[in-house]
Protein backbone atom coordinates (compact mmCIF):
# COMPACT_ATOMS: atom_id res chain seq x y z
CA MET A 1 40.36 -12.61 81.47
CA SER A 2 36.33 -11.89 81.29
CA LYS A 3 35.27 -9.45 83.26
CA VAL A 4 33.73 -9.94 87.10
CA ILE A 5 29.26 -8.80 86.88
CA VAL A 6 27.77 -8.03 89.47
CA TYR A 7 24.06 -6.81 90.23
CA THR A 8 22.31 -5.61 93.00
CA PRO A 9 18.51 -4.58 93.06
CA GLY A 10 16.39 -1.79 94.44
CA VAL A 11 13.25 0.64 94.36
CA PHE A 12 15.74 3.63 95.27
CA ASP A 13 12.60 6.18 95.76
CA LEU A 14 13.82 9.20 97.61
CA PHE A 15 17.57 8.63 96.37
CA HIS A 16 19.61 8.95 99.52
CA ILE A 17 23.10 8.30 100.93
CA GLY A 18 22.53 4.60 101.62
CA HIS A 19 21.41 3.82 98.65
CA LEU A 20 24.97 5.42 97.57
CA ASN A 21 26.37 3.53 100.27
CA VAL A 22 24.40 0.35 98.38
CA ILE A 23 25.52 0.60 95.33
CA ARG A 24 28.60 2.02 95.58
CA ARG A 25 30.01 -1.04 97.67
CA ALA A 26 28.34 -3.36 94.64
CA LYS A 27 30.64 -1.63 92.59
CA LEU A 28 33.92 -2.64 94.72
CA CYS A 29 32.90 -6.02 94.11
CA GLY A 30 34.00 -6.77 90.49
CA ASP A 31 33.94 -5.13 86.83
CA HIS A 32 30.95 -4.28 85.50
CA LEU A 33 27.88 -3.10 87.52
CA ILE A 34 24.80 -3.66 86.74
CA VAL A 35 22.32 -1.97 88.73
CA GLY A 36 18.03 -3.20 89.20
CA VAL A 37 15.28 -0.57 89.11
CA CYS A 38 12.31 -2.15 90.32
CA SER A 39 9.67 -0.93 88.63
CA ASP A 40 6.68 0.53 90.16
CA THR A 41 4.09 -2.40 88.92
CA LEU A 42 5.87 -4.54 91.26
CA VAL A 43 6.01 -1.90 93.87
CA LYS A 44 2.26 -1.04 94.18
CA GLU A 45 1.36 -4.92 93.88
CA THR A 46 4.80 -4.84 96.96
CA LYS A 47 5.25 -2.41 98.89
CA GLU A 48 2.74 -0.58 101.56
CA SER A 49 3.81 2.52 100.73
CA LEU A 50 3.98 4.85 97.32
CA LEU A 51 6.37 5.31 95.65
CA VAL A 52 7.47 9.88 94.49
CA THR A 53 9.67 8.89 91.25
CA ARG A 54 8.25 6.47 88.93
CA ASP A 55 10.26 3.88 87.70
CA TYR A 56 11.99 5.11 84.55
CA ASP A 57 13.36 7.86 86.16
CA ARG A 58 14.57 6.49 89.19
CA ALA A 59 16.33 4.51 86.38
CA GLU A 60 17.81 7.93 84.94
CA ILE A 61 19.25 9.14 88.09
CA VAL A 62 20.86 5.65 88.69
CA ARG A 63 22.39 5.28 85.32
CA GLU A 64 24.30 8.43 85.59
CA LEU A 65 26.56 7.60 88.97
CA LYS A 66 29.58 6.99 87.26
CA CYS A 67 30.02 3.90 89.78
CA VAL A 68 27.43 2.57 87.80
CA ASP A 69 28.14 0.22 84.24
CA GLU A 70 24.29 -0.26 83.89
CA VAL A 71 20.77 -0.15 84.73
CA ILE A 72 17.74 -2.38 83.74
CA ILE A 73 13.58 -1.96 84.83
CA TYR A 74 12.71 -5.41 86.96
CA GLU A 75 9.40 -6.60 87.22
CA LYS A 76 9.49 -9.95 89.30
CA VAL A 77 10.58 -10.25 93.06
CA ASP A 78 12.03 -13.17 92.30
CA GLN A 79 15.06 -12.16 90.89
CA THR A 80 16.23 -15.60 89.65
CA VAL A 81 15.19 -14.67 86.03
CA MET A 82 17.36 -11.71 85.67
CA ILE A 83 20.43 -13.70 87.53
CA LYS A 84 20.16 -15.96 85.03
CA LYS A 85 19.14 -13.28 82.10
CA LEU A 86 22.74 -11.32 82.95
CA ASN A 87 24.40 -13.63 83.44
CA ILE A 88 26.71 -12.56 86.58
CA ASP A 89 29.13 -13.85 88.99
CA VAL A 90 28.03 -11.15 92.20
CA PHE A 91 24.70 -10.62 93.44
CA VAL A 92 24.47 -7.99 96.53
CA VAL A 93 21.72 -7.51 98.07
CA GLY A 94 20.72 -6.09 101.10
CA GLU A 95 20.43 -7.04 104.95
CA GLU A 96 16.85 -7.72 104.81
CA PHE A 97 16.95 -8.96 101.20
CA GLY A 98 16.37 -13.25 101.37
CA PHE A 99 12.98 -12.95 104.38
CA CYS A 100 10.23 -13.72 101.06
CA LYS A 101 10.68 -16.86 98.92
CA GLU A 102 11.26 -14.87 96.06
CA HIS A 103 14.02 -13.98 97.70
CA GLN A 104 15.58 -17.13 98.47
CA ASP A 105 14.55 -18.94 95.51
CA SER A 106 17.09 -16.23 93.98
CA LEU A 107 19.02 -17.11 96.47
CA ILE A 108 18.96 -21.15 96.79
CA TYR A 109 19.37 -20.26 92.40
CA CYS A 110 22.78 -18.02 93.25
CA GLN A 111 24.12 -21.53 95.97
CA ASN A 112 23.46 -23.97 93.52
CA ASN A 113 24.92 -21.78 90.67
CA ASN A 114 28.11 -20.65 92.13
CA ILE A 115 26.95 -16.98 92.07
CA ARG A 116 28.53 -15.28 94.90
CA VAL A 117 26.10 -13.25 97.15
CA VAL A 118 26.78 -10.23 99.37
CA ARG A 119 24.84 -8.92 102.12
CA ILE A 120 25.22 -5.26 102.90
CA LYS A 121 23.98 -3.38 105.69
CA ARG A 122 21.49 -0.58 105.71
CA THR A 123 23.32 2.78 106.42
CA PRO A 124 22.01 3.49 109.39
CA GLU A 125 19.10 6.29 110.66
CA ILE A 126 19.23 7.19 106.52
CA SER A 127 15.53 4.95 104.26
CA SER A 128 13.12 6.35 101.60
CA SER A 129 10.09 5.34 104.30
CA GLY A 130 11.93 6.62 107.47
CA ILE A 131 11.92 10.68 105.11
CA LYS A 132 8.07 10.37 103.36
CA ASN A 133 7.13 9.73 107.52
CA LYS A 134 9.27 12.84 107.74
CA LEU A 135 8.04 14.39 105.15
CA LYS A 136 4.02 13.47 106.18
CA ASN A 137 4.52 14.18 109.93
CA GLY A 138 6.27 17.50 108.84
CA ASP A 139 9.48 16.13 111.22
CA LYS A 140 12.42 17.07 111.47
């Protein structure tokens, strides 16, 4: 019997419990978990806030999690190329994934190629941008 390959992409800056929850839940979807870490270049092109941690450091942090089997750094918002390259069975994304055309293209590719899409809800009251704002504003 072949392994069920799962892929989940993310930025994973200021690694927190929300990130860990997504990754742990993604691992439950199959046998081999590949986590995609967004490149610094892509984050600068697509996000409003600045990164705290470089991509190769974020990848190394994720790589050390015992539930992660493999880590890649990706360069495009549209995940279709990575999905094809990794030959995945399950694509795990957050509930907000799909609001831009490139995300929609990835989801359409999955639908057309019998790749299961699993959406995971955010962990309430935690986000990297929220942490950054608290640090910036001195909030507790």
